[in-house]
Amino acid sequence: MDPNRTDDTPADLTRRFTTSVTVDGQGSTYVPIPFDPDDAWGHKLRHHVAGELGGCELRGVLELAGEDGGHVLVLGPSWGRHAGLQDGAPVEVVLEPEGPQRSDLAPDLAAALEASPEAGAFFDSLAQFYRVAYLRWIDATKRHPEQRQLRIAEVVRLLEEGKKERARR
């Protein structure tokens, strides 16, 4: 599984299923998702996931599969060559949301994101790398706790502006 997954990740976020994959002419692998990730993990603009496909670890982003509103995980040709999957092959899949989720956040930050739905939605759509960077910057105030609320306000402002990361000074 994902090395960034913590042992306290709630088991109810993990989804296990068997599906048949499609491998196209260029070698990309398409994994249909038999559930609605918004229902399973909460509404997000993008669902970043980690897990396993046929015993091989993966990370990716779920995409809309088409007009039916279903989702699919698309894995590139190099991943498909590594896994050795064939078109139409049934495969065991384990998926979970990647990285820190809203439920993992400190109450003060969670409340700030809840108060700004735009910032909260953008935070939820970010890749793990960007979410973790914001959280580390906020948590780096341990020696100066008076800075924490200022940093939370700055993060909310940046998220409202659609910024994936803060400018380094």
Protein backbone atom coordinates (compact mmCIF):
# COMPACT_ATOMS: atom_id res chain seq x y z
CA MET A 1 0.00 0.00 0.00
CA ASP A 2 0.91 3.68 -0.03
CA PRO A 3 3.94 4.36 2.21
CA ASN A 4 2.32 7.66 3.26
CA ARG A 5 -0.71 5.89 4.66
CA THR A 6 -0.83 5.97 8.42
CA ASP A 7 -1.99 3.01 10.48
CA ASP A 8 -4.82 5.14 11.84
CA THR A 9 -6.44 5.63 8.41
CA PRO A 10 -10.06 4.60 8.98
CA ALA A 11 -10.77 1.24 7.37
CA ASP A 12 -14.14 2.49 6.13
CA LEU A 13 -12.32 4.74 3.62
CA THR A 14 -10.74 1.73 1.90
CA ARG A 15 -12.65 0.29 -1.06
CA ARG A 16 -11.92 -3.25 -2.31
CA PHE A 17 -13.39 -4.64 -5.51
CA THR A 18 -12.71 -6.82 -8.53
CA THR A 19 -13.05 -5.38 -12.02
CA SER A 20 -11.93 -5.99 -15.58
CA VAL A 21 -9.37 -3.53 -16.92
CA THR A 22 -9.11 -2.15 -20.43
CA VAL A 23 -5.66 -1.75 -21.98
CA ASP A 24 -5.59 0.48 -25.07
CA GLY A 25 -3.26 0.33 -28.08
CA GLN A 26 -0.73 2.67 -26.45
CA GLY A 27 -0.63 0.54 -23.29
CA SER A 28 -2.62 2.79 -20.95
CA THR A 29 -4.67 0.85 -18.41
CA TYR A 30 -8.24 1.94 -17.59
CA VAL A 31 -9.70 0.75 -14.29
CA PRO A 32 -13.48 1.33 -14.00
CA ILE A 33 -14.55 2.41 -10.53
CA PRO A 34 -17.78 0.64 -9.46
CA PHE A 35 -18.73 3.20 -6.80
CA ASP A 36 -19.20 6.94 -6.57
CA PRO A 37 -16.10 8.39 -4.89
CA ASP A 38 -18.09 11.47 -3.82
CA ASP A 39 -20.43 9.18 -1.86
CA ALA A 40 -17.57 7.15 -0.43
CA TRP A 41 -15.11 9.92 0.43
CA GLY A 42 -17.01 13.20 0.22
CA HIS A 43 -17.44 15.56 -2.71
CA LYS A 44 -14.16 16.75 -4.21
CA LEU A 45 -13.15 18.37 -7.47
CA ARG A 46 -10.46 15.67 -7.88
CA HIS A 47 -10.02 12.38 -6.05
CA HIS A 48 -6.35 11.52 -5.51
CA VAL A 49 -6.07 7.86 -4.57
CA ALA A 50 -3.47 5.33 -3.50
CA GLY A 51 -3.74 1.59 -3.31
CA GLU A 52 -3.06 -1.62 -5.16
CA LEU A 53 -4.03 -3.10 -8.49
CA GLY A 54 -3.34 -6.79 -8.83
CA GLY A 55 -0.87 -6.55 -5.95
CA CYS A 56 1.09 -3.64 -7.48
CA GLU A 57 1.12 -0.33 -5.63
CA LEU A 58 -0.38 2.70 -7.35
CA ARG A 59 -1.16 6.38 -6.97
CA GLY A 60 -3.43 8.28 -9.30
CA VAL A 61 -6.37 10.57 -9.88
CA LEU A 62 -9.89 9.36 -10.64
CA GLU A 63 -11.38 10.84 -13.80
CA LEU A 64 -14.92 10.97 -15.12
CA ALA A 65 -15.37 8.07 -17.52
CA GLY A 66 -17.88 9.72 -19.81
CA GLU A 67 -21.50 10.72 -20.09
CA ASP A 68 -22.69 8.05 -17.64
CA GLY A 69 -20.98 9.94 -14.79
CA GLY A 70 -18.88 6.96 -13.71
CA HIS A 71 -15.25 7.26 -12.74
CA VAL A 72 -12.13 5.57 -14.05
CA LEU A 73 -8.52 5.37 -12.94
CA VAL A 74 -6.14 5.78 -15.87
CA LEU A 75 -2.62 4.41 -15.50
CA GLY A 76 0.07 5.17 -18.06
CA PRO A 77 1.78 2.71 -20.40
CA SER A 78 4.89 2.30 -18.24
CA TRP A 79 2.75 1.29 -15.28
CA GLY A 80 0.87 -1.23 -17.42
CA ARG A 81 4.09 -2.81 -18.68
CA HIS A 82 5.33 -3.15 -15.11
CA ALA A 83 2.10 -4.80 -13.92
CA GLY A 84 1.75 -7.02 -16.98
CA LEU A 85 -2.03 -6.62 -17.24
CA GLN A 86 -3.92 -7.76 -20.32
CA ASP A 87 -7.03 -6.17 -21.83
CA GLY A 88 -10.16 -7.60 -20.19
CA ALA A 89 -8.24 -9.21 -17.33
CA PRO A 90 -10.09 -9.36 -14.01
CA VAL A 91 -8.06 -7.78 -11.23
CA GLU A 92 -8.35 -7.14 -7.50
CA VAL A 93 -8.31 -3.43 -6.61
CA VAL A 94 -7.83 -1.67 -3.28
CA LEU A 95 -8.24 2.12 -3.23
CA GLU A 96 -8.32 4.81 -0.57
CA PRO A 97 -8.04 8.58 -0.61
CA GLU A 98 -4.42 9.66 -0.62
CA GLY A 99 -2.90 11.90 2.00
CA PRO A 100 -4.46 13.88 4.81
CA GLN A 101 -8.22 14.22 4.59
CA ARG A 102 -10.44 16.91 6.05
CA SER A 103 -11.32 14.60 8.95
CA ASP A 104 -7.59 14.40 9.84
CA LEU A 105 -7.18 18.15 10.30
CA ALA A 106 -6.85 20.04 13.55
CA PRO A 107 -10.19 21.56 14.65
CA ASP A 108 -9.08 25.17 14.08
CA LEU A 109 -7.99 24.53 10.50
CA ALA A 110 -11.01 22.35 9.76
CA ALA A 111 -13.29 25.14 11.01
CA ALA A 112 -11.51 27.73 8.84
CA LEU A 113 -11.91 25.55 5.73
CA GLU A 114 -15.55 24.88 6.60
CA ALA A 115 -16.12 28.65 6.90
CA SER A 116 -14.73 29.13 3.38
CA PRO A 117 -16.30 26.48 1.12
CA GLU A 118 -14.21 27.67 -1.85
CA ALA A 119 -10.94 27.24 0.09
CA GLY A 120 -12.11 23.91 1.51
CA ALA A 121 -13.04 22.51 -1.90
CA PHE A 122 -9.72 23.59 -3.38
CA PHE A 123 -7.79 22.09 -0.44
CA ASP A 124 -9.66 18.79 -0.88
CA SER A 125 -8.75 18.70 -4.60
CA LEU A 126 -5.03 19.22 -4.05
CA ALA A 127 -2.52 16.42 -4.40
CA GLN A 128 -1.10 15.08 -1.16
CA PHE A 129 2.18 16.95 -1.66
CA TYR A 130 0.49 20.37 -1.57
CA ARG A 131 -1.85 19.53 1.34
CA VAL A 132 1.07 18.26 3.42
CA ALA A 133 3.17 21.35 2.62
CA TYR A 134 0.41 23.67 3.87
CA LEU A 135 -0.10 21.56 7.00
CA ARG A 136 3.62 21.50 7.80
CA TRP A 137 3.84 25.26 7.45
CA ILE A 138 0.92 25.74 9.82
CA ASP A 139 2.26 23.18 12.29
CA ALA A 140 5.70 24.83 12.28
CA THR A 141 4.30 27.42 14.70
CA LYS A 142 4.80 25.22 17.78
CA ARG A 143 7.44 27.58 19.18
CA HIS A 144 5.31 30.64 18.29
CA PRO A 145 1.68 29.58 18.79
CA GLU A 146 0.45 33.13 18.24
CA GLN A 147 1.44 32.68 14.57
CA ARG A 148 -0.85 29.69 14.01
CA GLN A 149 -4.07 31.64 13.41
CA LEU A 150 -2.23 34.06 11.11
CA ARG A 151 -0.91 31.16 9.05
CA ILE A 152 -4.31 29.49 8.89
CA ALA A 153 -5.81 32.75 7.63
CA GLU A 154 -3.03 33.03 5.03
CA VAL A 155 -3.58 29.45 3.85
CA VAL A 156 -7.33 30.02 3.50
CA ARG A 157 -6.64 33.19 1.48
CA LEU A 158 -4.21 31.36 -0.81
CA LEU A 159 -6.63 28.47 -1.29
CA GLU A 160 -9.45 30.90 -2.13
CA GLU A 161 -7.15 32.34 -4.82
CA GLY A 162 -6.55 28.83 -6.20
CA LYS A 163 -2.88 28.71 -5.19
CA LYS A 164 -1.48 25.23 -4.75
CA GLU A 165 1.40 26.47 -2.63
CA ARG A 166 2.61 29.58 -0.90
CA ALA A 167 5.48 31.60 -2.30
CA ARG A 168 8.81 30.81 -0.62
CA ARG A 169 10.43 33.75 1.06
